[in-house]
Structure formats: C-alpha cells, structure tokens
Amino acid sequence: MKSRAAAPKASARASTKKAPGEVRLIGGRWKRSKLAVLDRPGLRPTPDRVRETLFNWLGQDLTGWRCIDAFAGTGALGFEAASRGAASVLLLERDPALIEKLAQTKERLSADMVQVQRVDALLALSHLPEASVDLVLLDPPFDSQLATPALRSAVRLLSPLGFIYLEAASRWTEDAMSAQGLSLYRYLKAGNVHAHLLRRIALV
C-alpha cells in the first residue's frame, strides 16, 4: 500500500478506501503481524488477495533478494518481502507520519534488513546503481502520472532475472510495457487494482 503526501490518490480508489486501522502480513516469518493504516489522504491497503497472489508468483521464498518498495505507505509489500527472506528492503516514502510508522514497524519486528528513507521515490530510484535490485515494488498514486517515470527509473535497476511489480488503475498495454523495455510475466485484476508483474525484455 502506498501514499504520497504531495499527490494523494483521488477518486479512482475512493470507493475502496478502508477506514484507518490495520492490516496483517500474510506470509513468512512475520505472518499475521499487524501494520497500522493511518488516516492519510488516499492511503489504502493493497488487497490481501493481490499480496498473496504476487508472492505466489514470486515463489514465496525471497532468500537473498534485494528489494525496493517505492511509494511505500504502510510498507505492507516491502515487509512481506522481508518476511519471506529478502536480504535487503528499501522503503521509500515522503509522508513524515508514515515514515514514523514504518520506522516503528521496523523496530518492532527487529527487521534489520529493512531501511526506511524519507525521500521522493523518483529521485531515489534515479540515483541507485544499475542492476542492483531483484524486485522493485511500485504502487504510485493512480492519478499522479508517476507510473511511467517510475518504471523508466526502475527498469535500469533490475538484475538480469529481476522483477518489477506495478499496481495501476488500468491494465497496461503490451506496447506501453515494451516502450519501457518490459514484458508482462503475470497479471491480475482485483476490484480497481490492476496488478502487473514485469520483467526486462530479453535481448537477442
């Protein structure tokens, strides 16, 4: 689940926004651990079904993986990755209240592999080393037009067998994905959420 203080999600998700409360991690060493869901503009949980399906696609065991959760929000996707053995998980978020909760969750879980940074996600992605990441988790605000530049920055970070997960308000076309050097590996629609698991196009 994701949020961005400067560009809250708008009506595309208004009907699915849940009341403040909590969500639970659904797998790994911290299964059933609670994450707070603050009352922030546009902040809403990625559906349990989507999170479960995503990590089924990835094979559940992420031992040794290097991951980034951009637009982190509550960090549900990033902490799910860490719970399944990821060696490092970088959570990028701008909202100071969400940063505080992410830091509290990291401390409570003793999640030493997790780093929390208060930063603009696009800026951070553009400065990370090439081919340094195995999984980039992207859920930018649906109405923000950030998906394309986020993908453009994320694709250069991928290791040869790496993945990008993209959550969006609509299904991306094959042409739109290939323009970013990506191909569709798996896809799921759940309510308003279009979940894409992407890989780099293999060079012949």
N, C-alpha and C. Protein backbone atom coordinates (compact mmCIF):
# COMPACT_ATOMS: atom_id res chain seq x y z
N MET A 1 0.81 -1.17 0.00
CA MET A 1 0.00 0.00 0.00
C MET A 1 0.85 1.23 0.00
N LYS A 2 0.39 2.25 -0.67
CA LYS A 2 1.27 3.34 -0.95
C LYS A 2 0.57 4.67 -0.74
N SER A 3 1.38 5.69 -0.52
CA SER A 3 0.85 7.04 -0.42
C SER A 3 1.94 8.02 -0.81
N ARG A 4 1.53 9.21 -1.14
CA ARG A 4 2.50 10.27 -1.48
C ARG A 4 1.86 11.57 -1.03
N ALA A 5 2.50 12.25 -0.09
CA ALA A 5 1.86 13.40 0.53
C ALA A 5 1.52 14.49 -0.47
N ALA A 6 2.38 14.67 -1.47
CA ALA A 6 2.18 15.78 -2.40
C ALA A 6 1.16 15.48 -3.48
N ALA A 7 0.80 14.19 -3.62
CA ALA A 7 -0.13 13.83 -4.68
C ALA A 7 -1.00 12.68 -4.23
N PRO A 8 -1.99 12.92 -3.35
CA PRO A 8 -2.82 11.83 -2.84
C PRO A 8 -3.63 11.18 -3.93
N LYS A 9 -3.93 9.90 -3.75
CA LYS A 9 -4.77 9.19 -4.69
C LYS A 9 -6.17 9.79 -4.68
N ALA A 10 -6.78 9.85 -5.83
CA ALA A 10 -8.08 10.50 -5.94
C ALA A 10 -9.18 9.49 -6.07
N SER A 11 -10.24 9.85 -6.82
CA SER A 11 -11.48 9.10 -6.81
C SER A 11 -11.35 7.69 -7.34
N ALA A 12 -10.28 7.37 -8.05
CA ALA A 12 -10.14 6.03 -8.61
C ALA A 12 -10.21 4.97 -7.52
N ARG A 13 -9.79 5.33 -6.30
CA ARG A 13 -9.83 4.37 -5.21
C ARG A 13 -10.74 4.80 -4.07
N ALA A 14 -11.47 5.88 -4.26
CA ALA A 14 -12.27 6.40 -3.16
C ALA A 14 -13.25 5.35 -2.63
N SER A 15 -13.80 4.56 -3.54
CA SER A 15 -14.80 3.59 -3.12
C SER A 15 -14.21 2.41 -2.38
N THR A 16 -12.88 2.19 -2.50
CA THR A 16 -12.26 1.05 -1.85
C THR A 16 -11.42 1.45 -0.65
N LYS A 17 -11.34 2.74 -0.35
CA LYS A 17 -10.52 3.17 0.77
C LYS A 17 -11.11 2.66 2.07
N LYS A 18 -10.28 1.98 2.85
CA LYS A 18 -10.74 1.44 4.11
C LYS A 18 -10.52 2.45 5.23
N ALA A 19 -11.29 2.29 6.30
CA ALA A 19 -11.11 3.14 7.46
C ALA A 19 -9.75 2.88 8.07
N PRO A 20 -9.19 3.87 8.76
CA PRO A 20 -7.92 3.66 9.44
C PRO A 20 -8.00 2.46 10.37
N GLY A 21 -6.92 1.76 10.50
CA GLY A 21 -6.91 0.58 11.34
C GLY A 21 -5.62 -0.18 11.15
N GLU A 22 -5.73 -1.39 10.65
CA GLU A 22 -4.53 -2.19 10.49
C GLU A 22 -4.73 -3.25 9.42
N VAL A 23 -3.63 -3.73 8.89
CA VAL A 23 -3.62 -4.91 8.04
C VAL A 23 -2.62 -5.87 8.63
N ARG A 24 -2.68 -7.11 8.17
CA ARG A 24 -1.76 -8.12 8.66
C ARG A 24 -0.91 -8.66 7.53
N LEU A 25 0.34 -8.93 7.82
CA LEU A 25 1.18 -9.63 6.86
C LEU A 25 0.65 -11.05 6.69
N ILE A 26 0.76 -11.57 5.47
CA ILE A 26 0.07 -12.82 5.18
C ILE A 26 1.00 -14.01 4.99
N GLY A 27 2.31 -13.79 5.10
CA GLY A 27 3.21 -14.93 4.92
C GLY A 27 4.58 -14.68 5.52
N GLY A 28 5.37 -15.76 5.61
CA GLY A 28 6.73 -15.65 6.08
C GLY A 28 6.88 -15.62 7.58
N ARG A 29 8.05 -15.18 8.03
CA ARG A 29 8.40 -15.24 9.45
C ARG A 29 7.51 -14.34 10.31
N TRP A 30 6.96 -13.28 9.72
CA TRP A 30 6.11 -12.35 10.48
C TRP A 30 4.64 -12.49 10.10
N LYS A 31 4.25 -13.65 9.64
CA LYS A 31 2.86 -13.88 9.26
C LYS A 31 1.93 -13.50 10.40
N ARG A 32 0.86 -12.78 10.05
CA ARG A 32 -0.17 -12.28 10.97
C ARG A 32 0.27 -11.06 11.78
N SER A 33 1.50 -10.58 11.59
CA SER A 33 1.91 -9.34 12.27
C SER A 33 1.09 -8.16 11.73
N LYS A 34 0.78 -7.22 12.60
CA LYS A 34 -0.09 -6.11 12.24
C LYS A 34 0.72 -4.90 11.78
N LEU A 35 0.19 -4.22 10.75
CA LEU A 35 0.72 -2.95 10.30
C LEU A 35 -0.37 -1.90 10.41
N ALA A 36 -0.02 -0.75 10.96
CA ALA A 36 -1.00 0.32 11.12
C ALA A 36 -1.35 0.95 9.78
N VAL A 37 -2.64 1.28 9.62
CA VAL A 37 -3.11 2.01 8.45
C VAL A 37 -3.61 3.37 8.95
N LEU A 38 -2.81 4.40 8.72
CA LEU A 38 -3.16 5.72 9.21
C LEU A 38 -4.24 6.36 8.34
N ASP A 39 -4.90 7.35 8.90
CA ASP A 39 -5.90 8.11 8.16
C ASP A 39 -5.19 9.21 7.38
N ARG A 40 -4.63 8.82 6.24
CA ARG A 40 -3.93 9.74 5.36
C ARG A 40 -4.64 9.79 4.02
N PRO A 41 -4.59 10.92 3.32
CA PRO A 41 -5.28 11.02 2.03
C PRO A 41 -4.84 9.94 1.05
N GLY A 42 -5.80 9.14 0.61
CA GLY A 42 -5.54 8.13 -0.41
C GLY A 42 -4.87 6.86 0.07
N LEU A 43 -4.50 6.78 1.34
CA LEU A 43 -3.82 5.59 1.83
C LEU A 43 -4.83 4.46 2.00
N ARG A 44 -4.53 3.31 1.37
CA ARG A 44 -5.42 2.17 1.48
C ARG A 44 -4.60 0.90 1.29
N PRO A 45 -5.04 -0.18 1.91
CA PRO A 45 -4.27 -1.42 1.81
C PRO A 45 -4.32 -2.02 0.41
N THR A 46 -3.18 -2.52 -0.07
CA THR A 46 -3.21 -3.43 -1.21
C THR A 46 -3.98 -4.66 -0.77
N PRO A 47 -4.98 -5.10 -1.54
CA PRO A 47 -5.83 -6.21 -1.08
C PRO A 47 -5.02 -7.46 -0.74
N ASP A 48 -5.48 -8.17 0.28
CA ASP A 48 -4.81 -9.41 0.69
C ASP A 48 -4.65 -10.36 -0.49
N ARG A 49 -5.69 -10.47 -1.31
CA ARG A 49 -5.64 -11.39 -2.44
C ARG A 49 -4.51 -11.03 -3.39
N VAL A 50 -4.31 -9.73 -3.59
CA VAL A 50 -3.26 -9.30 -4.50
C VAL A 50 -1.89 -9.60 -3.91
N ARG A 51 -1.70 -9.29 -2.63
CA ARG A 51 -0.41 -9.58 -2.00
C ARG A 51 -0.12 -11.08 -2.01
N GLU A 52 -1.11 -11.87 -1.69
CA GLU A 52 -0.91 -13.33 -1.68
C GLU A 52 -0.55 -13.83 -3.08
N THR A 53 -1.27 -13.35 -4.08
CA THR A 53 -1.01 -13.78 -5.45
C THR A 53 0.38 -13.36 -5.91
N LEU A 54 0.76 -12.12 -5.61
CA LEU A 54 2.08 -11.63 -6.02
C LEU A 54 3.19 -12.52 -5.50
N PHE A 55 3.14 -12.86 -4.22
CA PHE A 55 4.24 -13.65 -3.66
C PHE A 55 4.14 -15.12 -4.05
N ASN A 56 2.96 -15.58 -4.42
CA ASN A 56 2.87 -16.90 -5.06
C ASN A 56 3.58 -16.87 -6.42
N TRP A 57 3.37 -15.80 -7.19
CA TRP A 57 4.06 -15.66 -8.47
C TRP A 57 5.57 -15.68 -8.29
N LEU A 58 6.04 -15.05 -7.22
CA LEU A 58 7.48 -14.92 -6.98
C LEU A 58 8.07 -16.16 -6.32
N GLY A 59 7.22 -17.10 -5.94
CA GLY A 59 7.71 -18.35 -5.38
C GLY A 59 7.82 -18.38 -3.87
N GLN A 60 7.33 -17.34 -3.17
CA GLN A 60 7.28 -17.25 -1.72
C GLN A 60 8.65 -17.05 -1.06
N ASP A 61 9.65 -17.83 -1.44
CA ASP A 61 10.97 -17.75 -0.80
C ASP A 61 11.82 -16.70 -1.52
N LEU A 62 12.04 -15.58 -0.87
CA LEU A 62 12.84 -14.50 -1.46
C LEU A 62 14.22 -14.40 -0.80
N THR A 63 14.72 -15.50 -0.30
CA THR A 63 16.00 -15.50 0.39
C THR A 63 17.09 -14.88 -0.48
N GLY A 64 17.75 -13.86 0.08
CA GLY A 64 18.85 -13.22 -0.60
C GLY A 64 18.47 -12.10 -1.55
N TRP A 65 17.18 -11.89 -1.80
CA TRP A 65 16.76 -10.88 -2.76
C TRP A 65 17.02 -9.46 -2.23
N ARG A 66 17.29 -8.55 -3.16
CA ARG A 66 17.43 -7.13 -2.87
C ARG A 66 16.18 -6.43 -3.42
N CYS A 67 15.44 -5.74 -2.55
CA CYS A 67 14.12 -5.22 -2.91
C CYS A 67 13.99 -3.74 -2.58
N ILE A 68 13.15 -3.07 -3.36
CA ILE A 68 12.79 -1.67 -3.10
C ILE A 68 11.27 -1.57 -3.12
N ASP A 69 10.71 -0.93 -2.10
CA ASP A 69 9.28 -0.63 -2.05
C ASP A 69 9.15 0.89 -2.17
N ALA A 70 8.92 1.36 -3.40
CA ALA A 70 8.77 2.80 -3.63
C ALA A 70 7.33 3.22 -3.33
N PHE A 71 7.13 4.49 -2.97
CA PHE A 71 5.80 4.98 -2.55
C PHE A 71 5.27 4.05 -1.45
N ALA A 72 6.04 3.85 -0.40
CA ALA A 72 5.86 2.69 0.48
C ALA A 72 4.57 2.71 1.30
N GLY A 73 4.08 3.87 1.70
CA GLY A 73 2.85 3.90 2.50
C GLY A 73 3.03 3.17 3.82
N THR A 74 2.26 2.13 4.06
CA THR A 74 2.42 1.33 5.27
C THR A 74 3.57 0.35 5.17
N GLY A 75 4.12 0.18 3.96
CA GLY A 75 5.21 -0.78 3.78
C GLY A 75 4.78 -2.21 3.71
N ALA A 76 3.47 -2.46 3.49
CA ALA A 76 2.98 -3.84 3.51
C ALA A 76 3.72 -4.73 2.52
N LEU A 77 3.92 -4.26 1.29
CA LEU A 77 4.61 -5.09 0.30
C LEU A 77 6.07 -5.28 0.67
N GLY A 78 6.72 -4.23 1.12
CA GLY A 78 8.12 -4.35 1.50
C GLY A 78 8.34 -5.26 2.68
N PHE A 79 7.49 -5.15 3.69
CA PHE A 79 7.62 -6.03 4.85
C PHE A 79 7.24 -7.47 4.50
N GLU A 80 6.32 -7.65 3.56
CA GLU A 80 6.03 -9.02 3.08
C GLU A 80 7.28 -9.63 2.46
N ALA A 81 8.02 -8.84 1.66
CA ALA A 81 9.24 -9.34 1.04
C ALA A 81 10.28 -9.69 2.11
N ALA A 82 10.44 -8.81 3.09
CA ALA A 82 11.39 -9.08 4.17
C ALA A 82 10.99 -10.31 4.97
N SER A 83 9.69 -10.47 5.19
CA SER A 83 9.18 -11.61 5.93
C SER A 83 9.51 -12.93 5.25
N ARG A 84 9.68 -12.87 3.92
CA ARG A 84 9.97 -14.08 3.14
C ARG A 84 11.46 -14.24 2.84
N GLY A 85 12.31 -13.53 3.54
CA GLY A 85 13.73 -13.80 3.47
C GLY A 85 14.56 -12.84 2.67
N ALA A 86 13.99 -11.74 2.17
CA ALA A 86 14.78 -10.79 1.39
C ALA A 86 15.98 -10.31 2.20
N ALA A 87 17.12 -10.18 1.53
CA ALA A 87 18.34 -9.76 2.22
C ALA A 87 18.32 -8.28 2.55
N SER A 88 17.69 -7.48 1.69
CA SER A 88 17.58 -6.04 1.93
C SER A 88 16.29 -5.53 1.32
N VAL A 89 15.63 -4.62 2.04
CA VAL A 89 14.40 -3.99 1.57
C VAL A 89 14.50 -2.51 1.88
N LEU A 90 14.43 -1.69 0.84
CA LEU A 90 14.48 -0.24 1.00
C LEU A 90 13.08 0.32 0.83
N LEU A 91 12.57 0.98 1.87
CA LEU A 91 11.25 1.59 1.85
C LEU A 91 11.40 3.08 1.60
N LEU A 92 10.79 3.57 0.52
CA LEU A 92 10.85 4.98 0.14
C LEU A 92 9.49 5.63 0.35
N GLU A 93 9.45 6.72 1.10
CA GLU A 93 8.17 7.37 1.42
C GLU A 93 8.45 8.83 1.74
N ARG A 94 7.49 9.72 1.44
CA ARG A 94 7.64 11.15 1.70
C ARG A 94 6.89 11.62 2.94
N ASP A 95 5.76 11.02 3.23
CA ASP A 95 4.89 11.49 4.31
C ASP A 95 5.55 11.24 5.67
N PRO A 96 5.79 12.29 6.47
CA PRO A 96 6.50 12.10 7.74
C PRO A 96 5.77 11.20 8.73
N ALA A 97 4.43 11.26 8.75
CA ALA A 97 3.69 10.39 9.66
C ALA A 97 3.84 8.92 9.27
N LEU A 98 3.83 8.66 7.97
CA LEU A 98 4.02 7.29 7.51
C LEU A 98 5.45 6.82 7.75
N ILE A 99 6.42 7.71 7.57
CA ILE A 99 7.81 7.38 7.86
C ILE A 99 7.95 6.95 9.32
N GLU A 100 7.31 7.68 10.22
CA GLU A 100 7.39 7.34 11.64
C GLU A 100 6.83 5.94 11.90
N LYS A 101 5.69 5.61 11.27
CA LYS A 101 5.10 4.29 11.46
C LYS A 101 5.97 3.19 10.85
N LEU A 102 6.56 3.47 9.69
CA LEU A 102 7.45 2.49 9.08
C LEU A 102 8.63 2.19 10.00
N ALA A 103 9.21 3.23 10.58
CA ALA A 103 10.33 3.05 11.48
C ALA A 103 9.93 2.26 12.72
N GLN A 104 8.73 2.54 13.23
CA GLN A 104 8.24 1.81 14.40
C GLN A 104 8.04 0.33 14.08
N THR A 105 7.49 0.05 12.90
CA THR A 105 7.29 -1.34 12.49
C THR A 105 8.63 -2.06 12.33
N LYS A 106 9.58 -1.41 11.69
CA LYS A 106 10.91 -1.99 11.54
C LYS A 106 11.50 -2.36 12.90
N GLU A 107 11.39 -1.44 13.88
CA GLU A 107 11.93 -1.70 15.20
C GLU A 107 11.18 -2.82 15.90
N ARG A 108 9.85 -2.81 15.80
CA ARG A 108 9.05 -3.82 16.48
C ARG A 108 9.34 -5.22 15.96
N LEU A 109 9.55 -5.33 14.66
CA LEU A 109 9.82 -6.64 14.05
C LEU A 109 11.30 -7.01 14.10
N SER A 110 12.14 -6.10 14.58
CA SER A 110 13.59 -6.29 14.52
C SER A 110 14.02 -6.62 13.10
N ALA A 111 13.50 -5.85 12.16
CA ALA A 111 13.73 -6.09 10.74
C ALA A 111 14.99 -5.36 10.30
N ASP A 112 16.14 -5.93 10.66
CA ASP A 112 17.41 -5.27 10.38
C ASP A 112 17.70 -5.14 8.89
N MET A 113 17.06 -5.98 8.07
CA MET A 113 17.28 -5.93 6.62
C MET A 113 16.51 -4.80 5.95
N VAL A 114 15.63 -4.13 6.69
CA VAL A 114 14.79 -3.07 6.15
C VAL A 114 15.42 -1.70 6.44
N GLN A 115 15.47 -0.86 5.43
CA GLN A 115 15.88 0.53 5.58
C GLN A 115 14.70 1.43 5.22
N VAL A 116 14.49 2.48 5.99
CA VAL A 116 13.41 3.43 5.75
C VAL A 116 14.03 4.77 5.40
N GLN A 117 13.61 5.34 4.26
CA GLN A 117 14.14 6.63 3.84
C GLN A 117 12.99 7.58 3.53
N ARG A 118 13.06 8.78 4.11
CA ARG A 118 12.11 9.83 3.76
C ARG A 118 12.68 10.56 2.55
N VAL A 119 12.09 10.31 1.39
CA VAL A 119 12.67 10.80 0.15
C VAL A 119 11.62 10.72 -0.95
N ASP A 120 11.80 11.53 -1.99
CA ASP A 120 10.98 11.39 -3.20
C ASP A 120 11.40 10.12 -3.92
N ALA A 121 10.44 9.25 -4.19
CA ALA A 121 10.76 7.94 -4.75
C ALA A 121 11.44 8.04 -6.10
N LEU A 122 10.95 8.92 -6.98
CA LEU A 122 11.56 9.04 -8.30
C LEU A 122 13.01 9.51 -8.21
N LEU A 123 13.27 10.45 -7.33
CA LEU A 123 14.63 10.94 -7.15
C LEU A 123 15.53 9.83 -6.64
N ALA A 124 15.04 9.08 -5.67
CA ALA A 124 15.84 7.99 -5.11
C ALA A 124 16.12 6.92 -6.15
N LEU A 125 15.09 6.53 -6.91
CA LEU A 125 15.28 5.49 -7.92
C LEU A 125 16.30 5.90 -8.97
N SER A 126 16.29 7.19 -9.31
CA SER A 126 17.19 7.66 -10.37
C SER A 126 18.65 7.69 -9.94
N HIS A 127 18.92 7.59 -8.63
CA HIS A 127 20.29 7.68 -8.14
C HIS A 127 20.86 6.34 -7.67
N LEU A 128 20.08 5.29 -7.73
CA LEU A 128 20.57 3.98 -7.29
C LEU A 128 21.38 3.31 -8.39
N PRO A 129 22.31 2.42 -8.03
CA PRO A 129 23.17 1.79 -9.04
C PRO A 129 22.39 0.88 -9.98
N GLU A 130 22.85 0.80 -11.21
CA GLU A 130 22.23 -0.09 -12.19
C GLU A 130 22.40 -1.56 -11.79
N ALA A 131 21.41 -2.37 -12.18
CA ALA A 131 21.44 -3.83 -11.98
C ALA A 131 21.69 -4.21 -10.53
N SER A 132 21.14 -3.43 -9.59
CA SER A 132 21.43 -3.65 -8.17
C SER A 132 20.26 -4.22 -7.39
N VAL A 133 19.12 -4.48 -8.06
CA VAL A 133 17.89 -4.83 -7.35
C VAL A 133 17.23 -6.04 -8.03
N ASP A 134 16.66 -6.91 -7.23
CA ASP A 134 15.97 -8.10 -7.75
C ASP A 134 14.46 -7.89 -7.85
N LEU A 135 13.91 -6.98 -7.05
CA LEU A 135 12.47 -6.74 -7.06
C LEU A 135 12.20 -5.28 -6.72
N VAL A 136 11.50 -4.58 -7.62
CA VAL A 136 11.05 -3.20 -7.36
C VAL A 136 9.53 -3.23 -7.28
N LEU A 137 9.00 -2.75 -6.17
CA LEU A 137 7.55 -2.72 -5.92
C LEU A 137 7.07 -1.28 -6.13
N LEU A 138 6.18 -1.09 -7.11
CA LEU A 138 5.70 0.24 -7.48
C LEU A 138 4.18 0.31 -7.36
N ASP A 139 3.70 1.19 -6.51
CA ASP A 139 2.28 1.48 -6.44
C ASP A 139 2.11 2.99 -6.29
N PRO A 140 2.41 3.75 -7.34
CA PRO A 140 2.26 5.20 -7.25
C PRO A 140 0.79 5.59 -7.23
N PRO A 141 0.47 6.79 -6.75
CA PRO A 141 -0.92 7.26 -6.79
C PRO A 141 -1.49 7.12 -8.19
N PHE A 142 -2.71 6.62 -8.29
CA PHE A 142 -3.30 6.29 -9.58
C PHE A 142 -3.42 7.50 -10.50
N ASP A 143 -3.67 8.69 -9.94
CA ASP A 143 -3.92 9.86 -10.78
C ASP A 143 -2.69 10.75 -10.91
N SER A 144 -1.52 10.25 -10.55
CA SER A 144 -0.34 11.10 -10.44
C SER A 144 0.53 11.13 -11.68
N GLN A 145 0.30 10.24 -12.65
CA GLN A 145 1.14 10.15 -13.83
C GLN A 145 2.59 9.78 -13.48
N LEU A 146 2.77 9.11 -12.36
CA LEU A 146 4.12 8.74 -11.94
C LEU A 146 4.53 7.35 -12.41
N ALA A 147 3.59 6.55 -12.90
CA ALA A 147 3.91 5.18 -13.25
C ALA A 147 4.98 5.11 -14.33
N THR A 148 4.83 5.91 -15.38
CA THR A 148 5.79 5.83 -16.48
C THR A 148 7.19 6.24 -16.06
N PRO A 149 7.39 7.40 -15.42
CA PRO A 149 8.75 7.72 -14.99
C PRO A 149 9.29 6.77 -13.93
N ALA A 150 8.40 6.23 -13.09
CA ALA A 150 8.86 5.27 -12.09
C ALA A 150 9.36 3.99 -12.75
N LEU A 151 8.63 3.50 -13.76
CA LEU A 151 9.09 2.33 -14.49
C LEU A 151 10.40 2.60 -15.21
N ARG A 152 10.51 3.77 -15.80
CA ARG A 152 11.72 4.12 -16.54
C ARG A 152 12.93 4.10 -15.62
N SER A 153 12.77 4.60 -14.41
CA SER A 153 13.87 4.58 -13.45
C SER A 153 14.11 3.18 -12.89
N ALA A 154 13.02 2.43 -12.69
CA ALA A 154 13.15 1.12 -12.06
C ALA A 154 13.79 0.08 -12.97
N VAL A 155 13.52 0.16 -14.27
CA VAL A 155 13.98 -0.91 -15.16
C VAL A 155 15.50 -0.99 -15.21
N ARG A 156 16.17 0.13 -15.09
CA ARG A 156 17.63 0.09 -15.17
C ARG A 156 18.24 -0.50 -13.89
N LEU A 157 17.45 -0.55 -12.82
CA LEU A 157 17.95 -1.09 -11.55
C LEU A 157 17.92 -2.61 -11.50
N LEU A 158 17.16 -3.24 -12.41
CA LEU A 158 16.91 -4.67 -12.30
C LEU A 158 18.15 -5.50 -12.59
N SER A 159 18.35 -6.51 -11.76
CA SER A 159 19.30 -7.56 -12.06
C SER A 159 18.78 -8.35 -13.26
N PRO A 160 19.61 -9.16 -13.91
CA PRO A 160 19.17 -9.85 -15.15
C PRO A 160 17.88 -10.64 -15.01
N LEU A 161 17.63 -11.22 -13.86
CA LEU A 161 16.42 -12.02 -13.65
C LEU A 161 15.42 -11.31 -12.73
N GLY A 162 15.56 -10.01 -12.59
CA GLY A 162 14.73 -9.27 -11.65
C GLY A 162 13.31 -9.02 -12.14
N PHE A 163 12.48 -8.54 -11.21
CA PHE A 163 11.07 -8.28 -11.46
C PHE A 163 10.70 -6.86 -11.03
N ILE A 164 9.72 -6.28 -11.73
CA ILE A 164 9.03 -5.08 -11.27
C ILE A 164 7.57 -5.43 -11.06
N TYR A 165 7.04 -5.07 -9.90
CA TYR A 165 5.61 -5.18 -9.65
C TYR A 165 5.01 -3.79 -9.78
N LEU A 166 3.97 -3.66 -10.62
CA LEU A 166 3.29 -2.38 -10.83
C LEU A 166 1.82 -2.52 -10.54
N GLU A 167 1.31 -1.66 -9.65
CA GLU A 167 -0.12 -1.56 -9.39
C GLU A 167 -0.63 -0.30 -10.09
N ALA A 168 -1.75 -0.42 -10.81
CA ALA A 168 -2.24 0.70 -11.60
C ALA A 168 -3.76 0.71 -11.66
N ALA A 169 -4.30 1.82 -12.15
CA ALA A 169 -5.75 1.98 -12.24
C ALA A 169 -6.33 1.26 -13.45
N SER A 170 -5.48 0.89 -14.41
CA SER A 170 -5.93 0.18 -15.60
C SER A 170 -4.82 -0.75 -16.06
N ARG A 171 -5.19 -1.65 -16.96
CA ARG A 171 -4.20 -2.60 -17.46
C ARG A 171 -3.29 -1.91 -18.47
N TRP A 172 -2.00 -2.12 -18.30
CA TRP A 172 -1.04 -1.58 -19.26
C TRP A 172 -1.04 -2.42 -20.52
N THR A 173 -0.92 -1.74 -21.67
CA THR A 173 -0.89 -2.46 -22.93
C THR A 173 0.51 -3.02 -23.17
N GLU A 174 0.56 -3.98 -24.07
CA GLU A 174 1.85 -4.57 -24.44
C GLU A 174 2.79 -3.51 -25.01
N ASP A 175 2.26 -2.60 -25.83
CA ASP A 175 3.08 -1.55 -26.42
C ASP A 175 3.64 -0.61 -25.35
N ALA A 176 2.80 -0.27 -24.36
CA ALA A 176 3.25 0.64 -23.30
C ALA A 176 4.35 0.00 -22.47
N MET A 177 4.22 -1.30 -22.21
CA MET A 177 5.24 -2.00 -21.45
C MET A 177 6.53 -2.13 -22.25
N SER A 178 6.41 -2.52 -23.52
CA SER A 178 7.62 -2.72 -24.33
C SER A 178 8.36 -1.41 -24.55
N ALA A 179 7.64 -0.29 -24.55
CA ALA A 179 8.29 1.01 -24.68
C ALA A 179 9.23 1.30 -23.51
N GLN A 180 8.98 0.66 -22.38
CA GLN A 180 9.85 0.80 -21.21
C GLN A 180 10.86 -0.34 -21.11
N GLY A 181 10.90 -1.19 -22.14
CA GLY A 181 11.83 -2.31 -22.12
C GLY A 181 11.37 -3.46 -21.26
N LEU A 182 10.04 -3.59 -21.08
CA LEU A 182 9.48 -4.59 -20.17
C LEU A 182 8.47 -5.47 -20.87
N SER A 183 8.30 -6.67 -20.35
CA SER A 183 7.27 -7.57 -20.84
C SER A 183 6.47 -8.09 -19.64
N LEU A 184 5.22 -8.47 -19.90
CA LEU A 184 4.34 -8.93 -18.83
C LEU A 184 4.62 -10.39 -18.50
N TYR A 185 4.86 -10.65 -17.22
CA TYR A 185 5.09 -12.01 -16.72
C TYR A 185 3.82 -12.59 -16.12
N ARG A 186 3.12 -11.80 -15.30
CA ARG A 186 1.85 -12.22 -14.71
C ARG A 186 0.95 -11.00 -14.57
N TYR A 187 -0.38 -11.24 -14.51
CA TYR A 187 -1.34 -10.14 -14.40
C TYR A 187 -2.55 -10.60 -13.59
N LEU A 188 -3.09 -9.67 -12.78
CA LEU A 188 -4.30 -9.93 -12.00
C LEU A 188 -5.10 -8.64 -11.88
N LYS A 189 -6.42 -8.75 -12.03
CA LYS A 189 -7.33 -7.64 -11.73
C LYS A 189 -8.14 -8.02 -10.51
N ALA A 190 -8.13 -7.16 -9.50
CA ALA A 190 -8.91 -7.38 -8.28
C ALA A 190 -9.57 -6.06 -7.91
N GLY A 191 -10.87 -5.95 -8.18
CA GLY A 191 -11.56 -4.69 -7.94
C GLY A 191 -10.99 -3.61 -8.84
N ASN A 192 -10.57 -2.48 -8.24
CA ASN A 192 -9.97 -1.38 -9.01
C ASN A 192 -8.48 -1.56 -9.25
N VAL A 193 -7.91 -2.61 -8.72
CA VAL A 193 -6.47 -2.81 -8.79
C VAL A 193 -6.10 -3.68 -9.98
N HIS A 194 -5.18 -3.17 -10.80
CA HIS A 194 -4.59 -3.95 -11.88
C HIS A 194 -3.14 -4.23 -11.50
N ALA A 195 -2.85 -5.49 -11.23
CA ALA A 195 -1.53 -5.88 -10.75
C ALA A 195 -0.73 -6.51 -11.88
N HIS A 196 0.44 -5.95 -12.14
CA HIS A 196 1.32 -6.42 -13.21
C HIS A 196 2.65 -6.85 -12.62
N LEU A 197 3.10 -8.03 -12.98
CA LEU A 197 4.46 -8.45 -12.65
C LEU A 197 5.24 -8.45 -13.96
N LEU A 198 6.31 -7.68 -14.00
CA LEU A 198 7.02 -7.38 -15.25
C LEU A 198 8.47 -7.84 -15.17
N ARG A 199 9.02 -8.15 -16.34
CA ARG A 199 10.44 -8.48 -16.45
C ARG A 199 11.03 -7.70 -17.63
N ARG A 200 12.33 -7.56 -17.62
CA ARG A 200 13.00 -6.91 -18.74
C ARG A 200 12.87 -7.78 -19.99
N ILE A 201 12.72 -7.12 -21.12
CA ILE A 201 12.69 -7.85 -22.39
C ILE A 201 14.07 -8.41 -22.65
N ALA A 202 14.12 -9.71 -22.92
CA ALA A 202 15.41 -10.36 -23.18
C ALA A 202 15.98 -9.85 -24.48
N LEU A 203 17.25 -9.51 -24.47
CA LEU A 203 17.93 -9.06 -25.68
C LEU A 203 18.47 -10.26 -26.43
N VAL A 204 18.16 -10.34 -27.70
CA VAL A 204 18.59 -11.47 -28.53
C VAL A 204 19.99 -11.19 -29.08
